């Protein structure tokens, strides 16, 4: 029997994932908070609020009643990272697998999403879906490759088989921590690359920032128990390249606004969708300091977000750092 999937979160990414896993006519239940989103999906086969212009598969049914998800065999949890704990508390306790699709670190606890999930839903098996993905491309069926990380190899294989489609290719991993670190850190680094664009610092600077940012991601990931090969793969370097080089990235767009001289308060107030990196940055900075991991780019992003330094001052500070071997 086919694994019945539910998707928690009716934003662009949640809707895109529902679209791809319903591609062969499979039934998929999508939970969303907004009644207007649920009504539009069920009546008009479109999520006009978050993913306008994409006709949705007939197998997708939307609901505002989270208890309806009890009929599902596994759930894709596609909520903002800072809301993950609240949403998981709303779910009935059980052992159905949870595939975590948010990219971030929880404020206050500095927990990764898998750690939050294991604390709130201790009986559930946990997997993480992460990698270079823009929702509108996934929803259109354009070629996409992602990492599906799960400690349970057999469960990971079953989940990969269920969510795979001709245009959506999951690569299996058992490194849950690495997949999560890559997704969380790249959001912060994408803000930095947006700043480079907005401030007109050039393509050389962006390439240097991606490279040095990847070194920071690797240092932090290894300190948290990640594997270097995971961070060099789709969930790390692959996602970093995508979000640091495209204006479709919410985090990159936020950084570009900062680079143009706009305030973080104004930029974040204008957004209906979440730039996760803005919330992850200070948590990541504090976690890195606690682990004695040097992350100067992350420190710089935090200073720009809280208004404690200007772009010019940050650039001057980064360029004045002592010369060192590249591998450090």
C-alpha atoms as a PDB file:
ATOM      1  CA  UNK A   1       0.000   0.000   0.000  1.00  0.00           C
ATOM      2  CA  UNK A   2       1.230   3.486  -0.848  1.00  0.00           C
ATOM      3  CA  UNK A   3       2.514   5.570   2.045  1.00  0.00           C
ATOM      4  CA  UNK A   4      -0.103   8.259   2.775  1.00  0.00           C
ATOM      5  CA  UNK A   5       1.611  11.605   3.212  1.00  0.00           C
ATOM      6  CA  UNK A   6       0.524  14.759   4.961  1.00  0.00           C
ATOM      7  CA  UNK A   7       2.158  18.171   4.661  1.00  0.00           C
ATOM      8  CA  UNK A   8       2.136  20.626   7.573  1.00  0.00           C
ATOM      9  CA  UNK A   9       2.399  24.167   6.253  1.00  0.00           C
ATOM     10  CA  UNK A  10       0.571  25.892   3.409  1.00  0.00           C
ATOM     11  CA  UNK A  11       3.292  28.315   2.330  1.00  0.00           C
ATOM     12  CA  UNK A  12       5.121  28.146  -0.971  1.00  0.00           C
ATOM     13  CA  UNK A  13       7.478  25.331   0.062  1.00  0.00           C
ATOM     14  CA  UNK A  14       4.812  23.216   1.729  1.00  0.00           C
ATOM     15  CA  UNK A  15       2.537  23.586  -1.296  1.00  0.00           C
ATOM     16  CA  UNK A  16       5.378  22.764  -3.690  1.00  0.00           C
ATOM     17  CA  UNK A  17       6.206  19.597  -1.761  1.00  0.00           C
ATOM     18  CA  UNK A  18       2.539  18.584  -1.728  1.00  0.00           C
ATOM     19  CA  UNK A  19       2.513  19.108  -5.483  1.00  0.00           C
ATOM     20  CA  UNK A  20       5.535  16.929  -6.137  1.00  0.00           C
ATOM     21  CA  UNK A  21       4.477  14.030  -3.885  1.00  0.00           C
ATOM     22  CA  UNK A  22       0.990  14.081  -5.434  1.00  0.00           C
ATOM     23  CA  UNK A  23       2.405  14.046  -8.952  1.00  0.00           C
ATOM     24  CA  UNK A  24       1.385  10.464  -9.764  1.00  0.00           C
ATOM     25  CA  UNK A  25      -2.181  10.952  -8.573  1.00  0.00           C
ATOM     26  CA  UNK A  26      -1.462  10.054  -4.958  1.00  0.00           C
ATOM     27  CA  UNK A  27      -3.682  11.609  -2.261  1.00  0.00           C
ATOM     28  CA  UNK A  28      -1.897  14.208  -0.127  1.00  0.00           C
ATOM     29  CA  UNK A  29      -3.373  16.110   2.818  1.00  0.00           C
ATOM     30  CA  UNK A  30      -2.076  19.659   3.287  1.00  0.00           C
ATOM     31  CA  UNK A  31      -2.634  21.499   6.578  1.00  0.00           C
ATOM     32  CA  UNK A  32      -2.584  25.301   6.533  1.00  0.00           C
ATOM     33  CA  UNK A  33      -3.480  27.929   9.117  1.00  0.00           C
ATOM     34  CA  UNK A  34      -5.127  30.332   6.674  1.00  0.00           C
ATOM     35  CA  UNK A  35      -8.734  29.451   5.773  1.00  0.00           C
ATOM     36  CA  UNK A  36      -8.398  31.403   2.522  1.00  0.00           C
ATOM     37  CA  UNK A  37      -5.466  29.212   1.467  1.00  0.00           C
ATOM     38  CA  UNK A  38      -7.395  26.028   2.230  1.00  0.00           C
ATOM     39  CA  UNK A  39     -10.483  27.288   0.388  1.00  0.00           C
ATOM     40  CA  UNK A  40      -8.511  28.329  -2.694  1.00  0.00           C
ATOM     41  CA  UNK A  41      -6.685  25.003  -2.896  1.00  0.00           C
ATOM     42  CA  UNK A  42      -9.814  22.914  -2.519  1.00  0.00           C
ATOM     43  CA  UNK A  43     -12.061  25.031  -4.725  1.00  0.00           C
ATOM     44  CA  UNK A  44      -9.708  26.454  -7.357  1.00  0.00           C
ATOM     45  CA  UNK A  45      -6.671  24.100  -7.235  1.00  0.00           C
ATOM     46  CA  UNK A  46      -4.323  27.009  -6.601  1.00  0.00           C
ATOM     47  CA  UNK A  47      -2.531  28.584  -3.625  1.00  0.00           C
ATOM     48  CA  UNK A  48      -2.928  32.161  -4.797  1.00  0.00           C
ATOM     49  CA  UNK A  49      -1.439  33.642  -1.617  1.00  0.00           C
ATOM     50  CA  UNK A  50       1.922  31.855  -1.680  1.00  0.00           C
ATOM     51  CA  UNK A  51       2.317  30.013  -4.995  1.00  0.00           C
ATOM     52  CA  UNK A  52       0.179  31.830  -7.516  1.00  0.00           C
ATOM     53  CA  UNK A  53      -0.070  30.596 -11.069  1.00  0.00           C
ATOM     54  CA  UNK A  54       0.690  26.913 -10.352  1.00  0.00           C
ATOM     55  CA  UNK A  55      -2.275  24.557 -11.030  1.00  0.00           C
ATOM     56  CA  UNK A  56      -2.255  22.018  -8.214  1.00  0.00           C
ATOM     57  CA  UNK A  57      -2.620  18.259  -8.544  1.00  0.00           C
ATOM     58  CA  UNK A  58      -6.138  16.883  -7.999  1.00  0.00           C
ATOM     59  CA  UNK A  59      -4.884  14.558  -5.248  1.00  0.00           C
ATOM     60  CA  UNK A  60      -4.091  17.466  -2.909  1.00  0.00           C
ATOM     61  CA  UNK A  61      -6.735  18.202  -0.281  1.00  0.00           C
ATOM     62  CA  UNK A  62      -6.271  21.042   2.193  1.00  0.00           C
ATOM     63  CA  UNK A  63      -7.554  21.380   5.762  1.00  0.00           C
ATOM     64  CA  UNK A  64      -7.324  23.729   8.737  1.00  0.00           C
ATOM     65  CA  UNK A  65      -7.982  20.860  11.176  1.00  0.00           C
ATOM     66  CA  UNK A  66      -4.611  19.497  12.254  1.00  0.00           C
ATOM     67  CA  UNK A  67      -6.248  16.413  13.761  1.00  0.00           C
ATOM     68  CA  UNK A  68      -7.092  15.315  10.198  1.00  0.00           C
ATOM     69  CA  UNK A  69      -3.399  14.479   9.775  1.00  0.00           C
ATOM     70  CA  UNK A  70      -3.934  11.458  12.017  1.00  0.00           C
ATOM     71  CA  UNK A  71      -4.915   9.485   8.921  1.00  0.00           C
ATOM     72  CA  UNK A  72      -1.444   9.941   7.380  1.00  0.00           C
ATOM     73  CA  UNK A  73       1.414   7.440   7.526  1.00  0.00           C
ATOM     74  CA  UNK A  74       4.145  10.107   7.510  1.00  0.00           C
ATOM     75  CA  UNK A  75       4.221  13.902   7.734  1.00  0.00           C
ATOM     76  CA  UNK A  76       6.362  16.496   5.979  1.00  0.00           C
ATOM     77  CA  UNK A  77       6.732  19.323   8.517  1.00  0.00           C
ATOM     78  CA  UNK A  78       7.163  22.536   6.527  1.00  0.00           C
ATOM     79  CA  UNK A  79       6.790  25.314   9.083  1.00  0.00           C
ATOM     80  CA  UNK A  80       9.184  28.165   9.941  1.00  0.00           C
ATOM     81  CA  UNK A  81      11.921  26.965  12.266  1.00  0.00           C
ATOM     82  CA  UNK A  82      10.874  29.213  15.156  1.00  0.00           C
ATOM     83  CA  UNK A  83       7.332  27.769  15.021  1.00  0.00           C
ATOM     84  CA  UNK A  84       8.388  24.127  14.804  1.00  0.00           C
ATOM     85  CA  UNK A  85       8.047  23.378  18.516  1.00  0.00           C
ATOM     86  CA  UNK A  86       4.556  24.895  18.725  1.00  0.00           C
ATOM     87  CA  UNK A  87       3.305  22.968  15.703  1.00  0.00           C
ATOM     88  CA  UNK A  88       4.741  19.674  16.920  1.00  0.00           C
ATOM     89  CA  UNK A  89       3.030  20.174  20.277  1.00  0.00           C
ATOM     90  CA  UNK A  90      -0.267  20.499  18.384  1.00  0.00           C
ATOM     91  CA  UNK A  91       0.165  17.082  16.780  1.00  0.00           C
ATOM     92  CA  UNK A  92      -1.196  13.995  18.522  1.00  0.00           C
ATOM     93  CA  UNK A  93       1.633  11.954  20.028  1.00  0.00           C
ATOM     94  CA  UNK A  94       2.582   8.948  17.924  1.00  0.00           C
ATOM     95  CA  UNK A  95       5.312   7.111  16.085  1.00  0.00           C
ATOM     96  CA  UNK A  96       4.560   8.193  12.525  1.00  0.00           C
ATOM     97  CA  UNK A  97       7.715   9.460  10.788  1.00  0.00           C
ATOM     98  CA  UNK A  98       8.256  13.217  10.693  1.00  0.00           C
ATOM     99  CA  UNK A  99      10.216  14.621   7.753  1.00  0.00           C
ATOM    100  CA  UNK A 100      11.512  18.024   8.849  1.00  0.00           C
ATOM    101  CA  UNK A 101      11.758  20.571   6.031  1.00  0.00           C
ATOM    102  CA  UNK A 102      12.524  23.776   7.963  1.00  0.00           C
ATOM    103  CA  UNK A 103      16.039  25.247   7.925  1.00  0.00           C
ATOM    104  CA  UNK A 104      17.069  26.967  11.118  1.00  0.00           C
ATOM    105  CA  UNK A 105      18.149  26.777  14.750  1.00  0.00           C
ATOM    106  CA  UNK A 106      15.679  27.371  17.564  1.00  0.00           C
ATOM    107  CA  UNK A 107      16.108  30.658  19.423  1.00  0.00           C
ATOM    108  CA  UNK A 108      16.661  30.267  23.152  1.00  0.00           C
ATOM    109  CA  UNK A 109      17.633  26.591  23.076  1.00  0.00           C
ATOM    110  CA  UNK A 110      20.069  26.629  20.100  1.00  0.00           C
ATOM    111  CA  UNK A 111      18.527  23.273  19.165  1.00  0.00           C
ATOM    112  CA  UNK A 112      18.440  21.951  15.630  1.00  0.00           C
ATOM    113  CA  UNK A 113      15.006  20.999  14.348  1.00  0.00           C
ATOM    114  CA  UNK A 114      15.613  17.272  14.813  1.00  0.00           C
ATOM    115  CA  UNK A 115      16.516  17.893  18.441  1.00  0.00           C
ATOM    116  CA  UNK A 116      13.319  19.885  18.943  1.00  0.00           C
ATOM    117  CA  UNK A 117      11.271  17.148  17.290  1.00  0.00           C
ATOM    118  CA  UNK A 118      12.783  14.384  19.416  1.00  0.00           C
ATOM    119  CA  UNK A 119      12.044  16.379  22.552  1.00  0.00           C
ATOM    120  CA  UNK A 120       8.411  17.101  21.652  1.00  0.00           C
ATOM    121  CA  UNK A 121       7.573  13.866  19.785  1.00  0.00           C
ATOM    122  CA  UNK A 122       9.956  11.315  21.324  1.00  0.00           C
ATOM    123  CA  UNK A 123       8.260   8.281  19.747  1.00  0.00           C
ATOM    124  CA  UNK A 124       8.465   9.611  16.196  1.00  0.00           C
ATOM    125  CA  UNK A 125      11.128   8.596  13.721  1.00  0.00           C
ATOM    126  CA  UNK A 126      12.864  11.700  12.337  1.00  0.00           C
ATOM    127  CA  UNK A 127      14.150  12.494   8.867  1.00  0.00           C
ATOM    128  CA  UNK A 128      15.401  15.762   7.378  1.00  0.00           C
ATOM    129  CA  UNK A 129      14.793  17.016   3.840  1.00  0.00           C
ATOM    130  CA  UNK A 130      17.245  19.705   2.782  1.00  0.00           C
ATOM    131  CA  UNK A 131      19.059  20.986  -0.276  1.00  0.00           C
ATOM    132  CA  UNK A 132      19.012  23.555  -3.092  1.00  0.00           C
ATOM    133  CA  UNK A 133      15.319  24.088  -3.706  1.00  0.00           C
ATOM    134  CA  UNK A 134      13.255  27.052  -4.819  1.00  0.00           C
ATOM    135  CA  UNK A 135       9.583  26.288  -4.294  1.00  0.00           C
ATOM    136  CA  UNK A 136       8.315  27.597  -7.618  1.00  0.00           C
ATOM    137  CA  UNK A 137      10.774  25.428  -9.557  1.00  0.00           C
ATOM    138  CA  UNK A 138       9.872  22.296  -7.582  1.00  0.00           C
ATOM    139  CA  UNK A 139       6.173  22.981  -8.106  1.00  0.00           C
ATOM    140  CA  UNK A 140       6.724  23.248 -11.859  1.00  0.00           C
ATOM    141  CA  UNK A 141       8.511  19.909 -11.935  1.00  0.00           C
ATOM    142  CA  UNK A 142      11.890  21.374 -12.898  1.00  0.00           C
ATOM    143  CA  UNK A 143      14.883  19.091 -12.129  1.00  0.00           C
ATOM    144  CA  UNK A 144      15.773  19.177  -8.439  1.00  0.00           C
ATOM    145  CA  UNK A 145      18.097  17.080  -6.275  1.00  0.00           C
ATOM    146  CA  UNK A 146      17.915  17.091  -2.480  1.00  0.00           C
ATOM    147  CA  UNK A 147      19.297  15.309   0.575  1.00  0.00           C
ATOM    148  CA  UNK A 148      17.029  13.066   2.620  1.00  0.00           C
ATOM    149  CA  UNK A 149      18.786  12.299   5.893  1.00  0.00           C
ATOM    150  CA  UNK A 150      17.530   9.657   8.309  1.00  0.00           C
ATOM    151  CA  UNK A 151      19.247   7.600  11.014  1.00  0.00           C
ATOM    152  CA  UNK A 152      17.048   4.617  10.075  1.00  0.00           C
ATOM    153  CA  UNK A 153      18.403   3.521   6.709  1.00  0.00           C
ATOM    154  CA  UNK A 154      15.369   1.394   5.805  1.00  0.00           C
ATOM    155  CA  UNK A 155      12.927   4.169   6.656  1.00  0.00           C
ATOM    156  CA  UNK A 156      15.020   6.663   4.705  1.00  0.00           C
ATOM    157  CA  UNK A 157      14.896   4.413   1.664  1.00  0.00           C
ATOM    158  CA  UNK A 158      11.119   4.012   1.950  1.00  0.00           C
ATOM    159  CA  UNK A 159      10.602   7.769   2.282  1.00  0.00           C
ATOM    160  CA  UNK A 160      12.919   8.466  -0.647  1.00  0.00           C
ATOM    161  CA  UNK A 161      11.013   6.011  -2.809  1.00  0.00           C
ATOM    162  CA  UNK A 162       7.720   7.665  -1.914  1.00  0.00           C
ATOM    163  CA  UNK A 163       8.722  11.279  -2.525  1.00  0.00           C
ATOM    164  CA  UNK A 164      10.886  10.721  -5.603  1.00  0.00           C
ATOM    165  CA  UNK A 165       9.545  11.749  -8.999  1.00  0.00           C
ATOM    166  CA  UNK A 166      11.099  12.229 -12.454  1.00  0.00           C
ATOM    167  CA  UNK A 167      11.975  15.822 -11.568  1.00  0.00           C
ATOM    168  CA  UNK A 168      12.647  15.398  -7.849  1.00  0.00           C
ATOM    169  CA  UNK A 169      15.598  13.207  -6.879  1.00  0.00           C
ATOM    170  CA  UNK A 170      16.411  12.513  -3.209  1.00  0.00           C
ATOM    171  CA  UNK A 171      19.893  11.346  -2.214  1.00  0.00           C
ATOM    172  CA  UNK A 172      20.012   9.268   0.961  1.00  0.00           C
ATOM    173  CA  UNK A 173      22.149  10.184   3.963  1.00  0.00           C
ATOM    174  CA  UNK A 174      22.341   9.111   7.591  1.00  0.00           C
ATOM    175  CA  UNK A 175      23.893  12.424   8.661  1.00  0.00           C
ATOM    176  CA  UNK A 176      20.879  14.262  10.058  1.00  0.00           C
ATOM    177  CA  UNK A 177      23.028  16.845  11.857  1.00  0.00           C
ATOM    178  CA  UNK A 178      25.005  17.697   8.731  1.00  0.00           C
ATOM    179  CA  UNK A 179      21.868  18.167   6.638  1.00  0.00           C
ATOM    180  CA  UNK A 180      20.435  20.516   9.243  1.00  0.00           C
ATOM    181  CA  UNK A 181      23.580  22.547   9.836  1.00  0.00           C
ATOM    182  CA  UNK A 182      24.012  23.123   6.117  1.00  0.00           C
ATOM    183  CA  UNK A 183      20.457  24.377   5.713  1.00  0.00           C
ATOM    184  CA  UNK A 184      20.608  26.662   8.741  1.00  0.00           C
ATOM    185  CA  UNK A 185      24.003  28.243   8.110  1.00  0.00           C
ATOM    186  CA  UNK A 186      23.497  28.848   4.394  1.00  0.00           C
ATOM    187  CA  UNK A 187      20.525  31.117   5.158  1.00  0.00           C
ATOM    188  CA  UNK A 188      22.764  33.454   7.152  1.00  0.00           C
ATOM    189  CA  UNK A 189      25.493  33.392   4.515  1.00  0.00           C
ATOM    190  CA  UNK A 190      22.922  34.205   1.821  1.00  0.00           C
ATOM    191  CA  UNK A 191      22.142  37.435   3.677  1.00  0.00           C
ATOM    192  CA  UNK A 192      25.839  38.304   3.540  1.00  0.00           C
ATOM    193  CA  UNK A 193      25.976  37.655  -0.214  1.00  0.00           C
ATOM    194  CA  UNK A 194      22.911  39.830  -0.693  1.00  0.00           C
ATOM    195  CA  UNK A 195      24.730  42.611   1.146  1.00  0.00           C
ATOM    196  CA  UNK A 196      27.613  42.279  -1.320  1.00  0.00           C
ATOM    197  CA  UNK A 197      25.150  42.673  -4.204  1.00  0.00           C
ATOM    198  CA  UNK A 198      23.294  45.590  -2.645  1.00  0.00           C
ATOM    199  CA  UNK A 199      26.484  47.449  -1.782  1.00  0.00           C
ATOM    200  CA  UNK A 200      27.926  46.940  -5.262  1.00  0.00           C
ATOM    201  CA  UNK A 201      31.054  45.149  -4.025  1.00  0.00           C
ATOM    202  CA  UNK A 202      31.384  42.962  -7.121  1.00  0.00           C
ATOM    203  CA  UNK A 203      31.458  39.332  -8.171  1.00  0.00           C
ATOM    204  CA  UNK A 204      34.958  38.700  -6.806  1.00  0.00           C
ATOM    205  CA  UNK A 205      33.732  39.617  -3.345  1.00  0.00           C
ATOM    206  CA  UNK A 206      30.706  37.347  -3.648  1.00  0.00           C
ATOM    207  CA  UNK A 207      32.819  34.363  -4.707  1.00  0.00           C
ATOM    208  CA  UNK A 208      35.237  34.994  -1.847  1.00  0.00           C
ATOM    209  CA  UNK A 209      32.346  35.265   0.598  1.00  0.00           C
ATOM    210  CA  UNK A 210      30.777  32.002  -0.556  1.00  0.00           C
ATOM    211  CA  UNK A 211      34.126  30.231  -0.162  1.00  0.00           C
ATOM    212  CA  UNK A 212      34.947  31.665   3.244  1.00  0.00           C
ATOM    213  CA  UNK A 213      31.362  31.216   4.374  1.00  0.00           C
ATOM    214  CA  UNK A 214      31.548  27.554   3.428  1.00  0.00           C
ATOM    215  CA  UNK A 215      34.654  27.269   5.598  1.00  0.00           C
ATOM    216  CA  UNK A 216      32.636  28.692   8.504  1.00  0.00           C
ATOM    217  CA  UNK A 217      29.784  26.263   7.822  1.00  0.00           C
ATOM    218  CA  UNK A 218      32.225  23.372   7.835  1.00  0.00           C
ATOM    219  CA  UNK A 219      33.912  24.435  11.095  1.00  0.00           C
ATOM    220  CA  UNK A 220      30.582  24.796  12.860  1.00  0.00           C
ATOM    221  CA  UNK A 221      29.157  21.592  11.403  1.00  0.00           C
ATOM    222  CA  UNK A 222      32.131  19.494  12.453  1.00  0.00           C
ATOM    223  CA  UNK A 223      31.882  20.964  15.954  1.00  0.00           C
ATOM    224  CA  UNK A 224      28.234  19.839  16.093  1.00  0.00           C
ATOM    225  CA  UNK A 225      29.041  16.319  14.879  1.00  0.00           C
ATOM    226  CA  UNK A 226      28.305  16.686  11.160  1.00  0.00           C
ATOM    227  CA  UNK A 227      30.264  14.906   8.443  1.00  0.00           C
ATOM    228  CA  UNK A 228      32.389  16.986   6.089  1.00  0.00           C
ATOM    229  CA  UNK A 229      31.047  15.138   3.026  1.00  0.00           C
ATOM    230  CA  UNK A 230      27.474  16.109   3.904  1.00  0.00           C
ATOM    231  CA  UNK A 231      28.430  19.768   4.166  1.00  0.00           C
ATOM    232  CA  UNK A 232      30.185  19.517   0.780  1.00  0.00           C
ATOM    233  CA  UNK A 233      27.032  18.016  -0.759  1.00  0.00           C
ATOM    234  CA  UNK A 234      23.549  19.157  -1.693  1.00  0.00           C
ATOM    235  CA  UNK A 235      22.424  20.152   1.815  1.00  0.00           C
ATOM    236  CA  UNK A 236      25.511  22.273   2.394  1.00  0.00           C
ATOM    237  CA  UNK A 237      27.510  23.629  -0.518  1.00  0.00           C
ATOM    238  CA  UNK A 238      24.739  22.981  -3.052  1.00  0.00           C
ATOM    239  CA  UNK A 239      22.162  24.962  -1.092  1.00  0.00           C
ATOM    240  CA  UNK A 240      24.730  27.649  -0.320  1.00  0.00           C
ATOM    241  CA  UNK A 241      25.508  28.241  -3.995  1.00  0.00           C
ATOM    242  CA  UNK A 242      21.825  28.489  -4.889  1.00  0.00           C
ATOM    243  CA  UNK A 243      20.776  30.923  -2.191  1.00  0.00           C
ATOM    244  CA  UNK A 244      23.920  33.056  -2.454  1.00  0.00           C
ATOM    245  CA  UNK A 245      23.547  33.656  -6.173  1.00  0.00           C
ATOM    246  CA  UNK A 246      19.860  34.219  -6.859  1.00  0.00           C
ATOM    247  CA  UNK A 247      17.468  37.063  -6.215  1.00  0.00           C
ATOM    248  CA  UNK A 248      14.719  34.444  -5.732  1.00  0.00           C
ATOM    249  CA  UNK A 249      16.203  33.739  -2.299  1.00  0.00           C
ATOM    250  CA  UNK A 250      14.377  35.561   0.497  1.00  0.00           C
ATOM    251  CA  UNK A 251      17.565  35.726   2.548  1.00  0.00           C
ATOM    252  CA  UNK A 252      19.586  37.097  -0.371  1.00  0.00           C
ATOM    253  CA  UNK A 253      16.904  39.734  -0.988  1.00  0.00           C
ATOM    254  CA  UNK A 254      17.004  40.764   2.666  1.00  0.00           C
ATOM    255  CA  UNK A 255      20.769  41.154   2.490  1.00  0.00           C
ATOM    256  CA  UNK A 256      20.558  43.151  -0.712  1.00  0.00           C
ATOM    257  CA  UNK A 257      18.260  45.593   1.035  1.00  0.00           C
ATOM    258  CA  UNK A 258      20.729  45.898   3.903  1.00  0.00           C
ATOM    259  CA  UNK A 259      23.517  46.499   1.420  1.00  0.00           C
ATOM    260  CA  UNK A 260      21.474  49.293  -0.160  1.00  0.00           C
ATOM    261  CA  UNK A 261      21.260  50.999   3.235  1.00  0.00           C
ATOM    262  CA  UNK A 262      17.767  50.001   4.320  1.00  0.00           C
ATOM    263  CA  UNK A 263      17.108  48.932   7.912  1.00  0.00           C
ATOM    264  CA  UNK A 264      16.481  45.344   8.911  1.00  0.00           C
ATOM    265  CA  UNK A 265      13.333  46.413  10.790  1.00  0.00           C
ATOM    266  CA  UNK A 266      11.793  47.899   7.665  1.00  0.00           C
ATOM    267  CA  UNK A 267      12.830  45.028   5.438  1.00  0.00           C
ATOM    268  CA  UNK A 268      11.463  42.333   7.738  1.00  0.00           C
ATOM    269  CA  UNK A 269       8.212  44.222   8.335  1.00  0.00           C
ATOM    270  CA  UNK A 270       7.477  44.151   4.608  1.00  0.00           C
ATOM    271  CA  UNK A 271       7.680  40.390   4.304  1.00  0.00           C
ATOM    272  CA  UNK A 272       4.764  37.971   4.185  1.00  0.00           C
ATOM    273  CA  UNK A 273       7.209  35.085   3.936  1.00  0.00           C
ATOM    274  CA  UNK A 274      10.027  34.398   6.389  1.00  0.00           C
ATOM    275  CA  UNK A 275      13.725  35.078   5.814  1.00  0.00           C
ATOM    276  CA  UNK A 276      14.887  32.371   8.229  1.00  0.00           C
ATOM    277  CA  UNK A 277      18.466  33.633   8.277  1.00  0.00           C
ATOM    278  CA  UNK A 278      17.457  36.779  10.161  1.00  0.00           C
ATOM    279  CA  UNK A 279      16.283  34.674  13.100  1.00  0.00           C
ATOM    280  CA  UNK A 280      19.017  32.060  12.833  1.00  0.00           C
ATOM    281  CA  UNK A 281      21.928  34.536  12.714  1.00  0.00           C
ATOM    282  CA  UNK A 282      22.086  35.583  16.395  1.00  0.00           C
ATOM    283  CA  UNK A 283      21.394  32.036  17.578  1.00  0.00           C
ATOM    284  CA  UNK A 284      24.139  30.698  15.331  1.00  0.00           C
ATOM    285  CA  UNK A 285      26.556  33.408  16.485  1.00  0.00           C
ATOM    286  CA  UNK A 286      25.978  32.562  20.139  1.00  0.00           C
ATOM    287  CA  UNK A 287      26.237  28.814  19.515  1.00  0.00           C
ATOM    288  CA  UNK A 288      29.494  29.316  17.608  1.00  0.00           C
ATOM    289  CA  UNK A 289      30.951  31.427  20.396  1.00  0.00           C
ATOM    290  CA  UNK A 290      29.977  28.800  22.959  1.00  0.00           C
ATOM    291  CA  UNK A 291      31.710  26.130  20.869  1.00  0.00           C
ATOM    292  CA  UNK A 292      34.756  28.381  20.276  1.00  0.00           C
ATOM    293  CA  UNK A 293      34.149  28.304  16.510  1.00  0.00           C
ATOM    294  CA  UNK A 294      35.302  31.351  14.541  1.00  0.00           C
ATOM    295  CA  UNK A 295      32.502  32.645  12.251  1.00  0.00           C
ATOM    296  CA  UNK A 296      33.352  36.231  11.246  1.00  0.00           C
ATOM    297  CA  UNK A 297      30.838  36.393   8.383  1.00  0.00           C
ATOM    298  CA  UNK A 298      28.035  35.331  10.712  1.00  0.00           C
ATOM    299  CA  UNK A 299      29.199  37.926  13.251  1.00  0.00           C
ATOM    300  CA  UNK A 300      29.108  40.569  10.519  1.00  0.00           C
ATOM    301  CA  UNK A 301      25.552  39.648   9.479  1.00  0.00           C
ATOM    302  CA  UNK A 302      24.404  39.949  13.090  1.00  0.00           C
ATOM    303  CA  UNK A 303      25.956  43.414  13.366  1.00  0.00           C
ATOM    304  CA  UNK A 304      24.129  44.540  10.233  1.00  0.00           C
ATOM    305  CA  UNK A 305      20.820  43.063  11.394  1.00  0.00           C
ATOM    306  CA  UNK A 306      20.940  44.723  14.811  1.00  0.00           C
ATOM    307  CA  UNK A 307      22.229  48.014  13.378  1.00  0.00           C
ATOM    308  CA  UNK A 308      25.418  48.065  15.459  1.00  0.00           C
ATOM    309  CA  UNK A 309      27.659  48.529  12.399  1.00  0.00           C
ATOM    310  CA  UNK A 310      27.410  49.894   8.879  1.00  0.00           C
ATOM    311  CA  UNK A 311      28.229  48.002   5.695  1.00  0.00           C
ATOM    312  CA  UNK A 312      31.372  50.090   5.177  1.00  0.00           C
ATOM    313  CA  UNK A 313      32.571  49.398   8.713  1.00  0.00           C
ATOM    314  CA  UNK A 314      31.912  45.669   8.384  1.00  0.00           C
ATOM    315  CA  UNK A 315      33.781  45.418   5.089  1.00  0.00           C
ATOM    316  CA  UNK A 316      36.719  47.321   6.522  1.00  0.00           C
ATOM    317  CA  UNK A 317      36.751  45.074   9.574  1.00  0.00           C
ATOM    318  CA  UNK A 318      36.665  41.841   7.547  1.00  0.00           C
ATOM    319  CA  UNK A 319      39.421  42.992   5.192  1.00  0.00           C
ATOM    320  CA  UNK A 320      41.605  44.024   8.146  1.00  0.00           C
ATOM    321  CA  UNK A 321      41.565  40.534   9.706  1.00  0.00           C
ATOM    322  CA  UNK A 322      45.048  38.992  10.107  1.00  0.00           C
ATOM    323  CA  UNK A 323      46.299  37.016   7.107  1.00  0.00           C
ATOM    324  CA  UNK A 324      46.108  33.266   7.646  1.00  0.00           C
ATOM    325  CA  UNK A 325      46.410  29.940   5.784  1.00  0.00           C
ATOM    326  CA  UNK A 326      43.322  29.201   3.680  1.00  0.00           C
ATOM    327  CA  UNK A 327      42.572  25.921   5.430  1.00  0.00           C
ATOM    328  CA  UNK A 328      42.058  27.614   8.797  1.00  0.00           C
END
